[in-house]
Amino acid sequence: MLSLCHSMKPYARKTEPRPAKSLAAPEAASGPSAMEERGETFKAEILRELPEDEEISFCRQGEYVELCAGPHVAYTSAVRAFKLLSVAGAYWRGDERNPMLTRIYGTSFPSQELLEEHLNRLEEAKKRDHRKLGRELGLFALFKEGPGFPFFLPKGLILKNLLIDYWRQLHAREGYQEISTPVILNRQLWETSGHWEHYRDNMYTTAIDGADFCVKPMSCPGGMLVYQMEPRSYRDLPLRFSELGLIHRNEKSGTRR
């Protein structure tokens, strides 16, 4: 990253314009082949999949033309103070069957002073990272056998129960009735709610007696079943239910932070 950072600095000292241009997909028909000639196979793939009425945004810097949704700075000198922070691996389109790419994280500010303030805040935030404090204070532990699933320790459970007690006091004061719905519900419910169509890949599923079931990623559909148990009148409103739902989502590592 150091060499990349050094190569960026000369551009930050220039006031080089970075004009942006939008083209309709038919006008940008040569885009995929041009991208492939440059070895940009992933961008060529994106261009080919866009609908014909889609506007495609390009940004130019000198002789270099880039496919970019924007927004863009008008001049390179706007990126006056910057720092590259970290690198990470990422599968193309989040699919582990696709090639692994390198993602570079960075930040930029109008002045070095603002950049330093931001970097100091990041350092302070690291000291308060819940994963670090949870271990140091003996509140909870994370194990490789259950990635993303906290094991509450005695001190942590005391704190959690205090927060739950406070939550219950507030909800009781506002007229909520507490309910508890199952962790696993059948596929039909999730099809009705739309979760199956839109979030199927992020749900844990299992089969019971030949029927598909899902570990709930949200509590709302179970609450709606409780609401539908009997006819309701407008005289019953507002009807307020609350639930401390235990939900699970099949998310990739890093998205739960």
Protein backbone atom coordinates (compact mmCIF):
# COMPACT_ATOMS: atom_id res chain seq x y z
CA MET A 1 0.00 0.00 0.00
CA LEU A 2 2.92 2.32 0.64
CA SER A 3 4.01 2.36 -3.01
CA LEU A 4 0.41 2.93 -4.12
CA CYS A 5 0.12 5.83 -1.69
CA HIS A 6 3.33 7.40 -3.05
CA SER A 7 2.07 7.10 -6.63
CA MET A 8 -1.18 8.90 -5.66
CA LYS A 9 0.50 11.95 -4.12
CA PRO A 10 1.55 13.67 -7.38
CA TYR A 11 -2.07 13.60 -8.58
CA ALA A 12 -3.27 15.16 -5.34
CA ARG A 13 -0.92 18.11 -5.95
CA LYS A 14 -2.37 18.73 -9.43
CA THR A 15 -5.59 20.49 -10.30
CA GLU A 16 -6.43 17.96 -12.97
CA PRO A 17 -10.11 17.90 -14.04
CA ARG A 18 -12.04 14.64 -13.78
CA PRO A 19 -15.05 15.09 -16.09
CA ALA A 20 -17.89 12.61 -15.78
CA LYS A 21 -20.11 11.52 -18.65
CA SER A 22 -23.26 9.42 -18.74
CA LEU A 23 -24.22 7.33 -21.76
CA ALA A 24 -27.24 5.16 -22.44
CA ALA A 25 -26.42 1.48 -22.75
CA PRO A 26 -26.75 1.38 -26.58
CA GLU A 27 -24.31 4.33 -26.89
CA ALA A 28 -21.88 2.54 -24.59
CA ALA A 29 -22.14 -0.71 -26.55
CA SER A 30 -18.42 -0.66 -27.21
CA GLY A 31 -17.78 -0.41 -23.47
CA PRO A 32 -17.51 -4.17 -22.76
CA SER A 33 -15.00 -4.82 -25.53
CA ALA A 34 -12.98 -1.74 -24.55
CA MET A 35 -12.91 -2.91 -20.94
CA GLU A 36 -11.84 -6.42 -21.97
CA GLU A 37 -9.00 -4.98 -24.05
CA ARG A 38 -7.75 -3.33 -20.87
CA GLY A 39 -8.14 -6.59 -18.96
CA GLU A 40 -11.19 -5.26 -17.07
CA THR A 41 -13.26 -8.45 -17.45
CA PHE A 42 -15.39 -7.79 -14.36
CA LYS A 43 -16.48 -4.35 -15.57
CA ALA A 44 -17.21 -5.79 -19.01
CA GLU A 45 -19.48 -8.31 -17.30
CA ILE A 46 -21.37 -5.52 -15.51
CA LEU A 47 -21.83 -3.54 -18.73
CA ARG A 48 -23.24 -6.56 -20.58
CA GLU A 49 -25.85 -7.18 -17.87
CA LEU A 50 -27.23 -3.62 -17.72
CA PRO A 51 -30.64 -3.02 -19.35
CA GLU A 52 -30.75 -0.99 -22.56
CA ASP A 53 -32.38 2.04 -20.92
CA GLU A 54 -29.75 2.17 -18.17
CA GLU A 55 -27.48 5.23 -18.06
CA ILE A 56 -23.83 4.31 -17.64
CA SER A 57 -21.50 6.74 -15.92
CA PHE A 58 -17.85 7.12 -16.97
CA CYS A 59 -15.14 9.27 -15.41
CA ARG A 60 -12.03 10.50 -17.23
CA GLN A 61 -8.68 11.41 -15.72
CA GLY A 62 -6.15 12.31 -18.36
CA GLU A 63 -6.17 9.46 -20.87
CA TYR A 64 -7.65 7.02 -18.36
CA VAL A 65 -11.41 6.35 -18.62
CA GLU A 66 -13.11 4.50 -15.79
CA LEU A 67 -16.56 2.97 -15.35
CA CYS A 68 -17.80 4.54 -12.12
CA ALA A 69 -21.20 5.27 -10.60
CA GLY A 70 -19.88 8.35 -8.78
CA PRO A 71 -20.24 10.84 -7.27
CA HIS A 72 -16.90 12.24 -8.44
CA VAL A 73 -14.70 15.09 -7.28
CA ALA A 74 -14.27 17.75 -9.98
CA TYR A 75 -10.47 17.95 -9.60
CA THR A 76 -7.78 15.61 -8.32
CA SER A 77 -6.57 18.34 -5.92
CA ALA A 78 -9.81 17.87 -3.93
CA VAL A 79 -8.21 14.69 -2.59
CA ARG A 80 -5.69 16.78 -0.69
CA ALA A 81 -5.11 14.76 2.48
CA PHE A 82 -5.63 11.01 2.23
CA LYS A 83 -4.58 7.74 3.77
CA LEU A 84 -4.92 4.14 2.65
CA LEU A 85 -6.12 2.23 5.68
CA SER A 86 -6.22 -1.49 4.96
CA VAL A 87 -6.63 -4.23 2.39
CA ALA A 88 -8.95 -7.22 2.41
CA GLY A 89 -9.87 -10.10 0.16
CA ALA A 90 -13.32 -10.17 -1.38
CA TYR A 91 -14.90 -12.63 -3.79
CA TRP A 92 -16.28 -11.14 -6.99
CA ARG A 93 -19.94 -10.38 -6.32
CA GLY A 94 -19.69 -11.99 -2.89
CA ASP A 95 -19.67 -15.52 -4.32
CA GLU A 96 -16.89 -17.82 -3.09
CA ARG A 97 -17.02 -19.66 -6.42
CA ASN A 98 -15.79 -16.50 -8.16
CA PRO A 99 -12.22 -15.13 -8.23
CA MET A 100 -10.79 -13.46 -5.16
CA LEU A 101 -10.23 -9.72 -5.52
CA THR A 102 -8.32 -7.25 -3.35
CA ARG A 103 -10.33 -4.46 -1.74
CA ILE A 104 -8.42 -1.34 -0.65
CA TYR A 105 -9.92 0.88 2.03
CA GLY A 106 -8.97 4.55 2.21
CA THR A 107 -10.23 7.93 3.31
CA SER A 108 -9.71 11.53 2.25
CA PHE A 109 -10.27 14.98 3.78
CA PRO A 110 -9.82 18.57 2.56
CA SER A 111 -6.99 19.17 5.04
CA GLN A 112 -4.34 17.21 6.91
CA GLU A 113 -5.76 18.46 10.20
CA LEU A 114 -9.19 16.96 9.50
CA LEU A 115 -7.58 13.72 8.38
CA GLU A 116 -5.56 13.47 11.60
CA GLU A 117 -8.70 14.09 13.68
CA HIS A 118 -10.47 11.29 11.84
CA LEU A 119 -7.54 8.87 12.26
CA ASN A 120 -7.42 9.66 16.00
CA ARG A 121 -11.14 8.86 16.27
CA LEU A 122 -10.52 5.53 14.53
CA GLU A 123 -7.80 4.68 17.06
CA GLU A 124 -10.11 5.56 19.94
CA ALA A 125 -12.84 3.40 18.42
CA LYS A 126 -10.45 0.43 18.29
CA LYS A 127 -9.96 0.73 22.05
CA ARG A 128 -13.73 0.48 22.46
CA ASP A 129 -14.23 -2.42 20.06
CA HIS A 130 -16.93 -4.62 21.62
CA ARG A 131 -15.02 -7.80 20.74
CA LYS A 132 -11.94 -6.52 22.58
CA LEU A 133 -13.85 -5.18 25.61
CA GLY A 134 -16.07 -8.26 25.87
CA ARG A 135 -13.02 -10.45 26.31
CA GLU A 136 -11.09 -8.06 28.59
CA LEU A 137 -14.05 -7.39 30.89
CA GLY A 138 -15.19 -11.01 31.01
CA LEU A 139 -18.60 -10.23 29.49
CA PHE A 140 -18.71 -12.64 26.56
CA ALA A 141 -16.48 -14.87 24.47
CA LEU A 142 -16.33 -15.73 20.78
CA PHE A 143 -15.12 -19.15 19.64
CA LYS A 144 -14.26 -20.53 16.22
CA GLU A 145 -16.77 -23.30 16.88
CA GLY A 146 -19.53 -20.66 16.71
CA PRO A 147 -18.33 -17.72 14.58
CA GLY A 148 -20.46 -14.66 15.20
CA PHE A 149 -22.35 -16.28 18.09
CA PRO A 150 -21.43 -14.81 21.50
CA PHE A 151 -21.12 -16.98 24.61
CA PHE A 152 -22.31 -14.83 27.50
CA LEU A 153 -20.19 -15.23 30.62
CA PRO A 154 -21.51 -14.68 34.19
CA LYS A 155 -20.73 -10.94 34.27
CA GLY A 156 -22.05 -10.46 30.77
CA LEU A 157 -25.30 -12.26 31.53
CA ILE A 158 -25.87 -10.05 34.57
CA LEU A 159 -25.47 -6.99 32.36
CA LYS A 160 -27.68 -8.48 29.63
CA ASN A 161 -30.45 -9.28 32.12
CA LEU A 162 -30.30 -5.76 33.57
CA LEU A 163 -30.78 -4.35 30.07
CA ILE A 164 -33.67 -6.76 29.42
CA ASP A 165 -35.32 -5.73 32.69
CA TYR A 166 -35.03 -2.08 31.66
CA TRP A 167 -36.40 -2.90 28.19
CA ARG A 168 -39.40 -4.65 29.77
CA GLN A 169 -40.09 -1.71 32.08
CA LEU A 170 -40.16 0.73 29.16
CA HIS A 171 -42.39 -1.48 27.01
CA ALA A 172 -44.81 -2.18 29.88
CA ARG A 173 -45.03 1.56 30.54
CA GLU A 174 -45.98 2.15 26.89
CA GLY A 175 -48.67 -0.54 26.89
CA TYR A 176 -46.85 -3.37 25.08
CA GLN A 177 -47.73 -7.02 25.72
CA GLU A 178 -44.74 -9.34 25.52
CA ILE A 179 -44.94 -12.47 23.38
CA SER A 180 -42.49 -15.18 22.36
CA THR A 181 -42.62 -16.92 18.98
CA PRO A 182 -40.76 -20.05 17.75
CA VAL A 183 -37.25 -19.87 16.35
CA ILE A 184 -38.15 -22.20 13.44
CA LEU A 185 -41.19 -21.69 11.20
CA ASN A 186 -42.22 -23.30 7.92
CA ARG A 187 -41.34 -22.20 4.42
CA GLN A 188 -44.90 -21.16 3.55
CA LEU A 189 -44.79 -18.34 6.09
CA TRP A 190 -41.52 -17.00 4.68
CA GLU A 191 -42.91 -17.20 1.15
CA THR A 192 -45.94 -15.17 2.27
CA SER A 193 -43.73 -12.57 3.96
CA GLY A 194 -41.44 -12.33 0.92
CA HIS A 195 -38.31 -13.39 2.80
CA TRP A 196 -38.00 -16.65 0.87
CA GLU A 197 -37.93 -14.88 -2.50
CA HIS A 198 -35.63 -12.02 -1.54
CA TYR A 199 -33.42 -13.35 1.29
CA ARG A 200 -33.36 -17.12 0.79
CA ASP A 201 -29.54 -17.22 0.58
CA ASN A 202 -29.24 -15.45 3.93
CA MET A 203 -31.52 -17.84 5.84
CA TYR A 204 -30.73 -21.10 7.61
CA THR A 205 -33.01 -23.89 6.44
CA THR A 206 -33.81 -27.42 7.50
CA ALA A 207 -36.35 -30.13 6.68
CA ILE A 208 -38.80 -31.67 9.15
CA ASP A 209 -41.01 -34.58 8.03
CA GLY A 210 -40.25 -33.71 4.40
CA ALA A 211 -41.29 -30.06 4.74
CA ASP A 212 -38.95 -27.05 4.51
CA PHE A 213 -38.47 -24.90 7.59
CA CYS A 214 -36.36 -21.78 8.26
CA VAL A 215 -34.63 -20.45 11.33
CA LYS A 216 -36.18 -17.02 11.61
CA PRO A 217 -34.06 -14.09 10.41
CA MET A 218 -36.72 -11.64 11.67
CA SER A 219 -39.46 -11.78 14.27
CA CYS A 220 -42.18 -9.88 12.37
CA PRO A 221 -43.86 -12.82 10.55
CA GLY A 222 -44.33 -14.71 13.82
CA GLY A 223 -45.88 -11.62 15.36
CA MET A 224 -48.29 -11.36 12.43
CA LEU A 225 -49.48 -14.93 13.09
CA VAL A 226 -50.30 -13.91 16.67
CA TYR A 227 -52.21 -10.89 15.34
CA GLN A 228 -54.22 -13.10 12.95
CA MET A 229 -55.35 -15.52 15.67
CA GLU A 230 -58.70 -13.79 16.03
CA PRO A 231 -60.74 -11.04 14.37
CA ARG A 232 -59.56 -7.57 15.35
CA SER A 233 -61.60 -4.39 15.59
CA TYR A 234 -60.39 -0.84 15.23
CA ARG A 235 -61.56 -0.51 18.84
CA ASP A 236 -58.66 -2.83 19.80
CA LEU A 237 -56.12 -0.40 18.39
CA PRO A 238 -53.46 0.44 19.17
CA LEU A 239 -52.52 -3.20 19.75
CA ARG A 240 -48.91 -3.40 20.84
CA PHE A 241 -46.89 -6.60 21.00
CA SER A 242 -43.21 -6.80 21.81
CA GLU A 243 -40.74 -9.68 21.54
CA LEU A 244 -37.14 -10.33 22.46
CA GLY A 245 -36.74 -12.47 19.35
CA LEU A 246 -33.79 -14.78 18.85
CA ILE A 247 -32.92 -14.39 15.17
CA HIS A 248 -30.20 -15.92 13.00
CA ARG A 249 -28.98 -14.85 9.56
CA ASN A 250 -26.64 -16.68 7.24
CA GLU A 251 -24.27 -13.78 6.57
CA LYS A 252 -20.70 -13.84 5.35
CA SER A 253 -17.86 -13.19 7.74
CA GLY A 254 -17.36 -9.49 8.45
CA THR A 255 -20.95 -8.37 7.82
CA ARG A 256 -21.95 -8.77 11.49
CA ARG A 257 -19.51 -6.21 12.86
